[in-house]
Amino acid sequence: MKSLRDPSVILALIVLPALRLLSCGSETTITIRKLEQPPMVLSSPAFAHGGMIPDYYSCAAGSVSPPLEWKNAPDSTRSFALIMRDIDAAHRHYINWVVLNIPADVRYLSEGAGRRALVPGEPPGFGGYIGVTPEEYRLHRYVFTLYALDTVPASDSTPFEIEQLEQLVAGHVLAKAELMGRFGRGGFVMPRLW
């Protein structure tokens, strides 16, 4: 029996595992690439994650949507979907904005993009942004969620509930990123009861 110090044993211990990895082919390469891919990030130059959304983007100021930008989307992305919701609204998940079929090569939505119909073939205002709304004694949390999809959803299926969007994109989400901003007049944040 050969010793672990024998050069041929050392060589076998190094070369054989390397050959096994090479024999796995592209599957190993894809796995390594996935591990190296940084997470997709959604941000806004108008406010920081967890920060206050400026009054300019409120309902009272004319419902101008804030600028959004993202990076590190997967290479195989075919489209993006965006939903913004008020998670502290009396109605379970109040939807402020839904945008489907954002082209795969887009990496930002400019300020005021929510005034246009971004869903092809739909009338103006469809999918438009509803500005954040102040309450006298409460801060609300508004969550922007961006999905990188491996498909382009049908334009006639724009959801109006978070559950509808989740059903629409089920099995097609390559990556997801969230940005949360706060808006309101008071210092109290309503706790989530669901």
C-alpha atoms as a PDB file:
ATOM      1  CA  MET A   1       0.000   0.000   0.000  1.00  0.00           C
ATOM      2  CA  LYS A   2       1.325   3.408  -1.015  1.00  0.00           C
ATOM      3  CA  SER A   3       1.906   6.156   1.536  1.00  0.00           C
ATOM      4  CA  LEU A   4       0.007   9.453   1.411  1.00  0.00           C
ATOM      5  CA  ARG A   5       3.434  11.061   0.915  1.00  0.00           C
ATOM      6  CA  ASP A   6       3.997   9.164  -2.340  1.00  0.00           C
ATOM      7  CA  PRO A   7       3.956  11.680  -5.289  1.00  0.00           C
ATOM      8  CA  SER A   8       1.647   9.457  -7.362  1.00  0.00           C
ATOM      9  CA  VAL A   9      -0.928   9.380  -4.515  1.00  0.00           C
ATOM     10  CA  ILE A  10      -0.729  13.170  -4.077  1.00  0.00           C
ATOM     11  CA  LEU A  11      -1.173  13.646  -7.822  1.00  0.00           C
ATOM     12  CA  ALA A  12      -4.217  11.332  -7.843  1.00  0.00           C
ATOM     13  CA  LEU A  13      -5.770  13.244  -4.945  1.00  0.00           C
ATOM     14  CA  ILE A  14      -5.470  16.512  -6.875  1.00  0.00           C
ATOM     15  CA  VAL A  15      -6.106  15.435 -10.480  1.00  0.00           C
ATOM     16  CA  LEU A  16      -9.077  13.060 -10.039  1.00  0.00           C
ATOM     17  CA  PRO A  17     -11.386  15.591  -8.305  1.00  0.00           C
ATOM     18  CA  ALA A  18     -10.442  18.180 -10.948  1.00  0.00           C
ATOM     19  CA  LEU A  19     -11.302  15.731 -13.742  1.00  0.00           C
ATOM     20  CA  ARG A  20     -14.649  14.998 -12.088  1.00  0.00           C
ATOM     21  CA  LEU A  21     -15.445  18.714 -12.059  1.00  0.00           C
ATOM     22  CA  LEU A  22     -14.498  19.072 -15.722  1.00  0.00           C
ATOM     23  CA  SER A  23     -16.625  16.073 -16.658  1.00  0.00           C
ATOM     24  CA  CYS A  24     -19.695  17.820 -15.213  1.00  0.00           C
ATOM     25  CA  GLY A  25     -19.431  20.282 -18.087  1.00  0.00           C
ATOM     26  CA  SER A  26     -21.615  23.346 -18.300  1.00  0.00           C
ATOM     27  CA  GLU A  27     -23.741  22.415 -15.264  1.00  0.00           C
ATOM     28  CA  THR A  28     -20.796  23.076 -12.958  1.00  0.00           C
ATOM     29  CA  THR A  29     -19.945  26.278 -14.817  1.00  0.00           C
ATOM     30  CA  ILE A  30     -23.536  27.527 -14.524  1.00  0.00           C
ATOM     31  CA  THR A  31     -23.643  26.694 -10.805  1.00  0.00           C
ATOM     32  CA  ILE A  32     -20.385  28.573 -10.187  1.00  0.00           C
ATOM     33  CA  ARG A  33     -21.643  31.526 -12.245  1.00  0.00           C
ATOM     34  CA  LYS A  34     -24.880  31.627 -10.212  1.00  0.00           C
ATOM     35  CA  LEU A  35     -22.906  31.665  -6.977  1.00  0.00           C
ATOM     36  CA  GLU A  36     -20.778  34.553  -8.258  1.00  0.00           C
ATOM     37  CA  GLN A  37     -23.738  36.639  -9.538  1.00  0.00           C
ATOM     38  CA  PRO A  38     -24.422  39.488  -7.091  1.00  0.00           C
ATOM     39  CA  PRO A  39     -28.071  39.947  -6.090  1.00  0.00           C
ATOM     40  CA  MET A  40     -30.298  42.258  -8.101  1.00  0.00           C
ATOM     41  CA  VAL A  41     -30.635  45.641  -6.391  1.00  0.00           C
ATOM     42  CA  LEU A  42     -33.460  48.200  -6.717  1.00  0.00           C
ATOM     43  CA  SER A  43     -32.870  51.789  -5.590  1.00  0.00           C
ATOM     44  CA  SER A  44     -34.021  55.367  -6.099  1.00  0.00           C
ATOM     45  CA  PRO A  45     -32.001  58.574  -6.289  1.00  0.00           C
ATOM     46  CA  ALA A  46     -34.974  60.276  -4.580  1.00  0.00           C
ATOM     47  CA  PHE A  47     -34.863  58.361  -1.269  1.00  0.00           C
ATOM     48  CA  ALA A  48     -32.854  55.685   0.519  1.00  0.00           C
ATOM     49  CA  HIS A  49     -34.141  52.229   1.416  1.00  0.00           C
ATOM     50  CA  GLY A  50     -36.174  52.707   4.605  1.00  0.00           C
ATOM     51  CA  GLY A  51     -36.053  56.490   4.183  1.00  0.00           C
ATOM     52  CA  MET A  52     -38.791  59.064   3.744  1.00  0.00           C
ATOM     53  CA  ILE A  53     -40.385  59.447   0.305  1.00  0.00           C
ATOM     54  CA  PRO A  54     -40.439  63.178  -0.578  1.00  0.00           C
ATOM     55  CA  ASP A  55     -43.795  65.014  -0.709  1.00  0.00           C
ATOM     56  CA  TYR A  56     -43.222  65.599  -4.418  1.00  0.00           C
ATOM     57  CA  TYR A  57     -44.258  61.979  -5.083  1.00  0.00           C
ATOM     58  CA  SER A  58     -47.492  62.190  -3.101  1.00  0.00           C
ATOM     59  CA  CYS A  59     -51.070  62.182  -4.306  1.00  0.00           C
ATOM     60  CA  ALA A  60     -51.445  65.802  -3.184  1.00  0.00           C
ATOM     61  CA  ALA A  61     -48.529  66.896  -5.381  1.00  0.00           C
ATOM     62  CA  GLY A  62     -49.966  65.323  -8.533  1.00  0.00           C
ATOM     63  CA  SER A  63     -48.895  61.661  -8.345  1.00  0.00           C
ATOM     64  CA  VAL A  64     -45.476  61.940  -9.988  1.00  0.00           C
ATOM     65  CA  SER A  65     -43.759  58.565  -9.727  1.00  0.00           C
ATOM     66  CA  PRO A  66     -40.247  58.531  -8.245  1.00  0.00           C
ATOM     67  CA  PRO A  67     -37.241  57.569 -10.355  1.00  0.00           C
ATOM     68  CA  LEU A  68     -36.103  53.961  -9.921  1.00  0.00           C
ATOM     69  CA  GLU A  69     -32.976  52.174 -11.061  1.00  0.00           C
ATOM     70  CA  TRP A  70     -31.691  48.629 -10.767  1.00  0.00           C
ATOM     71  CA  LYS A  71     -28.590  46.564 -11.422  1.00  0.00           C
ATOM     72  CA  ASN A  72     -27.331  42.962 -11.458  1.00  0.00           C
ATOM     73  CA  ALA A  73     -30.274  41.560 -13.412  1.00  0.00           C
ATOM     74  CA  PRO A  74     -29.749  37.978 -14.634  1.00  0.00           C
ATOM     75  CA  ASP A  75     -28.479  37.669 -18.219  1.00  0.00           C
ATOM     76  CA  SER A  76     -31.464  35.520 -19.218  1.00  0.00           C
ATOM     77  CA  THR A  77     -34.041  38.190 -18.236  1.00  0.00           C
ATOM     78  CA  ARG A  78     -36.723  38.675 -20.911  1.00  0.00           C
ATOM     79  CA  SER A  79     -38.744  41.363 -19.115  1.00  0.00           C
ATOM     80  CA  PHE A  80     -39.263  43.070 -15.762  1.00  0.00           C
ATOM     81  CA  ALA A  81     -42.430  43.567 -13.725  1.00  0.00           C
ATOM     82  CA  LEU A  82     -42.811  46.199 -11.004  1.00  0.00           C
ATOM     83  CA  ILE A  83     -45.415  46.519  -8.302  1.00  0.00           C
ATOM     84  CA  MET A  84     -45.654  49.161  -5.585  1.00  0.00           C
ATOM     85  CA  ARG A  85     -47.913  48.619  -2.599  1.00  0.00           C
ATOM     86  CA  ASP A  86     -48.784  50.232   0.719  1.00  0.00           C
ATOM     87  CA  ILE A  87     -48.318  47.422   3.236  1.00  0.00           C
ATOM     88  CA  ASP A  88     -49.853  49.475   6.076  1.00  0.00           C
ATOM     89  CA  ALA A  89     -53.101  50.392   4.295  1.00  0.00           C
ATOM     90  CA  ALA A  90     -56.441  49.335   5.774  1.00  0.00           C
ATOM     91  CA  HIS A  91     -57.044  47.294   2.605  1.00  0.00           C
ATOM     92  CA  ARG A  92     -54.610  44.387   2.937  1.00  0.00           C
ATOM     93  CA  HIS A  93     -52.086  45.338   0.247  1.00  0.00           C
ATOM     94  CA  TYR A  94     -53.099  48.597  -1.411  1.00  0.00           C
ATOM     95  CA  ILE A  95     -51.608  48.722  -4.900  1.00  0.00           C
ATOM     96  CA  ASN A  96     -50.154  52.087  -5.960  1.00  0.00           C
ATOM     97  CA  TRP A  97     -48.488  51.079  -9.194  1.00  0.00           C
ATOM     98  CA  VAL A  98     -48.125  48.098 -11.529  1.00  0.00           C
ATOM     99  CA  VAL A  99     -45.880  47.996 -14.576  1.00  0.00           C
ATOM    100  CA  LEU A 100     -45.527  44.881 -16.749  1.00  0.00           C
ATOM    101  CA  ASN A 101     -43.347  44.155 -19.760  1.00  0.00           C
ATOM    102  CA  ILE A 102     -40.499  46.505 -18.932  1.00  0.00           C
ATOM    103  CA  PRO A 103     -37.954  45.573 -21.647  1.00  0.00           C
ATOM    104  CA  ALA A 104     -35.037  43.390 -20.585  1.00  0.00           C
ATOM    105  CA  ASP A 105     -32.430  46.010 -21.554  1.00  0.00           C
ATOM    106  CA  VAL A 106     -34.000  48.775 -19.401  1.00  0.00           C
ATOM    107  CA  ARG A 107     -32.301  49.551 -16.082  1.00  0.00           C
ATOM    108  CA  TYR A 108     -34.309  52.545 -14.849  1.00  0.00           C
ATOM    109  CA  LEU A 109     -37.697  54.248 -14.838  1.00  0.00           C
ATOM    110  CA  SER A 110     -37.378  58.004 -14.976  1.00  0.00           C
ATOM    111  CA  GLU A 111     -39.258  60.359 -12.671  1.00  0.00           C
ATOM    112  CA  GLY A 112     -42.865  60.658 -13.829  1.00  0.00           C
ATOM    113  CA  ALA A 113     -42.807  57.379 -15.803  1.00  0.00           C
ATOM    114  CA  GLY A 114     -46.050  56.392 -14.039  1.00  0.00           C
ATOM    115  CA  ARG A 115     -47.992  59.092 -15.906  1.00  0.00           C
ATOM    116  CA  ARG A 116     -47.640  57.158 -19.157  1.00  0.00           C
ATOM    117  CA  ALA A 117     -49.310  53.919 -20.096  1.00  0.00           C
ATOM    118  CA  LEU A 118     -46.402  51.493 -20.087  1.00  0.00           C
ATOM    119  CA  VAL A 119     -48.494  48.490 -21.078  1.00  0.00           C
ATOM    120  CA  PRO A 120     -48.680  48.339 -24.901  1.00  0.00           C
ATOM    121  CA  GLY A 121     -52.133  48.730 -26.379  1.00  0.00           C
ATOM    122  CA  GLU A 122     -53.789  50.004 -23.221  1.00  0.00           C
ATOM    123  CA  PRO A 123     -55.419  53.452 -22.861  1.00  0.00           C
ATOM    124  CA  PRO A 124     -53.506  56.283 -21.128  1.00  0.00           C
ATOM    125  CA  GLY A 125     -53.548  56.004 -17.362  1.00  0.00           C
ATOM    126  CA  PHE A 126     -53.741  52.220 -17.276  1.00  0.00           C
ATOM    127  CA  GLY A 127     -51.179  50.985 -14.808  1.00  0.00           C
ATOM    128  CA  GLY A 128     -50.532  54.597 -13.793  1.00  0.00           C
ATOM    129  CA  TYR A 129     -48.903  55.584 -10.522  1.00  0.00           C
ATOM    130  CA  ILE A 130     -51.095  56.535  -7.541  1.00  0.00           C
ATOM    131  CA  GLY A 131     -49.072  58.807  -5.295  1.00  0.00           C
ATOM    132  CA  VAL A 132     -48.295  58.098  -1.667  1.00  0.00           C
ATOM    133  CA  THR A 133     -50.952  59.530   0.645  1.00  0.00           C
ATOM    134  CA  PRO A 134     -50.283  61.150   4.023  1.00  0.00           C
ATOM    135  CA  GLU A 135     -52.193  60.306   7.153  1.00  0.00           C
ATOM    136  CA  GLU A 136     -52.226  62.650  10.112  1.00  0.00           C
ATOM    137  CA  TYR A 137     -50.931  60.230  12.743  1.00  0.00           C
ATOM    138  CA  ARG A 138     -49.321  57.361  10.874  1.00  0.00           C
ATOM    139  CA  LEU A 139     -46.329  56.584   8.734  1.00  0.00           C
ATOM    140  CA  HIS A 140     -46.975  54.056   5.993  1.00  0.00           C
ATOM    141  CA  ARG A 141     -44.449  51.724   4.390  1.00  0.00           C
ATOM    142  CA  TYR A 142     -44.476  51.583   0.602  1.00  0.00           C
ATOM    143  CA  VAL A 143     -42.710  48.622  -0.994  1.00  0.00           C
ATOM    144  CA  PHE A 144     -41.512  48.642  -4.600  1.00  0.00           C
ATOM    145  CA  THR A 145     -40.858  45.083  -5.815  1.00  0.00           C
ATOM    146  CA  LEU A 146     -39.072  44.455  -9.094  1.00  0.00           C
ATOM    147  CA  TYR A 147     -39.172  40.998 -10.691  1.00  0.00           C
ATOM    148  CA  ALA A 148     -36.742  39.846 -13.401  1.00  0.00           C
ATOM    149  CA  LEU A 149     -38.708  37.357 -15.516  1.00  0.00           C
ATOM    150  CA  ASP A 150     -37.812  34.706 -18.066  1.00  0.00           C
ATOM    151  CA  THR A 151     -41.016  35.525 -19.977  1.00  0.00           C
ATOM    152  CA  VAL A 152     -43.049  38.457 -21.301  1.00  0.00           C
ATOM    153  CA  PRO A 153     -46.520  38.355 -19.671  1.00  0.00           C
ATOM    154  CA  ALA A 154     -49.597  39.030 -21.798  1.00  0.00           C
ATOM    155  CA  SER A 155     -50.487  42.729 -21.680  1.00  0.00           C
ATOM    156  CA  ASP A 156     -54.172  41.968 -21.004  1.00  0.00           C
ATOM    157  CA  SER A 157     -53.407  40.316 -17.673  1.00  0.00           C
ATOM    158  CA  THR A 158     -52.221  43.268 -15.581  1.00  0.00           C
ATOM    159  CA  PRO A 159     -52.897  42.383 -11.923  1.00  0.00           C
ATOM    160  CA  PHE A 160     -54.466  44.650  -9.329  1.00  0.00           C
ATOM    161  CA  GLU A 161     -53.639  42.531  -6.296  1.00  0.00           C
ATOM    162  CA  ILE A 162     -50.258  41.273  -5.129  1.00  0.00           C
ATOM    163  CA  GLU A 163     -51.607  37.703  -5.172  1.00  0.00           C
ATOM    164  CA  GLN A 164     -52.604  38.105  -8.844  1.00  0.00           C
ATOM    165  CA  LEU A 165     -49.115  39.270  -9.753  1.00  0.00           C
ATOM    166  CA  GLU A 166     -47.554  36.381  -7.854  1.00  0.00           C
ATOM    167  CA  GLN A 167     -49.771  33.926  -9.764  1.00  0.00           C
ATOM    168  CA  LEU A 168     -48.937  35.618 -13.075  1.00  0.00           C
ATOM    169  CA  VAL A 169     -45.167  35.377 -12.580  1.00  0.00           C
ATOM    170  CA  ALA A 170     -45.098  32.031 -10.742  1.00  0.00           C
ATOM    171  CA  GLY A 171     -42.342  29.849 -12.107  1.00  0.00           C
ATOM    172  CA  HIS A 172     -40.873  32.715 -14.174  1.00  0.00           C
ATOM    173  CA  VAL A 173     -39.012  34.782 -11.553  1.00  0.00           C
ATOM    174  CA  LEU A 174     -35.249  34.799 -12.091  1.00  0.00           C
ATOM    175  CA  ALA A 175     -34.561  37.449  -9.434  1.00  0.00           C
ATOM    176  CA  LYS A 176     -36.446  39.834  -7.163  1.00  0.00           C
ATOM    177  CA  ALA A 177     -35.424  43.113  -5.515  1.00  0.00           C
ATOM    178  CA  GLU A 178     -37.282  45.374  -3.085  1.00  0.00           C
ATOM    179  CA  LEU A 179     -37.077  49.004  -2.083  1.00  0.00           C
ATOM    180  CA  MET A 180     -39.067  50.334   0.875  1.00  0.00           C
ATOM    181  CA  GLY A 181     -39.854  53.973   1.544  1.00  0.00           C
ATOM    182  CA  ARG A 182     -41.932  55.633   4.257  1.00  0.00           C
ATOM    183  CA  PHE A 183     -44.473  58.400   3.979  1.00  0.00           C
ATOM    184  CA  GLY A 184     -46.816  60.093   6.434  1.00  0.00           C
ATOM    185  CA  ARG A 185     -47.133  62.867   8.953  1.00  0.00           C
ATOM    186  CA  GLY A 186     -46.762  61.035  12.258  1.00  0.00           C
ATOM    187  CA  GLY A 187     -44.150  58.874  13.866  1.00  0.00           C
ATOM    188  CA  PHE A 188     -46.244  55.737  14.379  1.00  0.00           C
ATOM    189  CA  VAL A 189     -45.944  52.813  11.969  1.00  0.00           C
ATOM    190  CA  MET A 190     -48.957  50.535  11.901  1.00  0.00           C
ATOM    191  CA  PRO A 191     -47.832  46.984  12.739  1.00  0.00           C
ATOM    192  CA  ARG A 192     -48.660  44.267  10.214  1.00  0.00           C
ATOM    193  CA  LEU A 193     -51.448  42.074  11.508  1.00  0.00           C
ATOM    194  CA  TRP A 194     -51.370  39.502   8.711  1.00  0.00           C
END
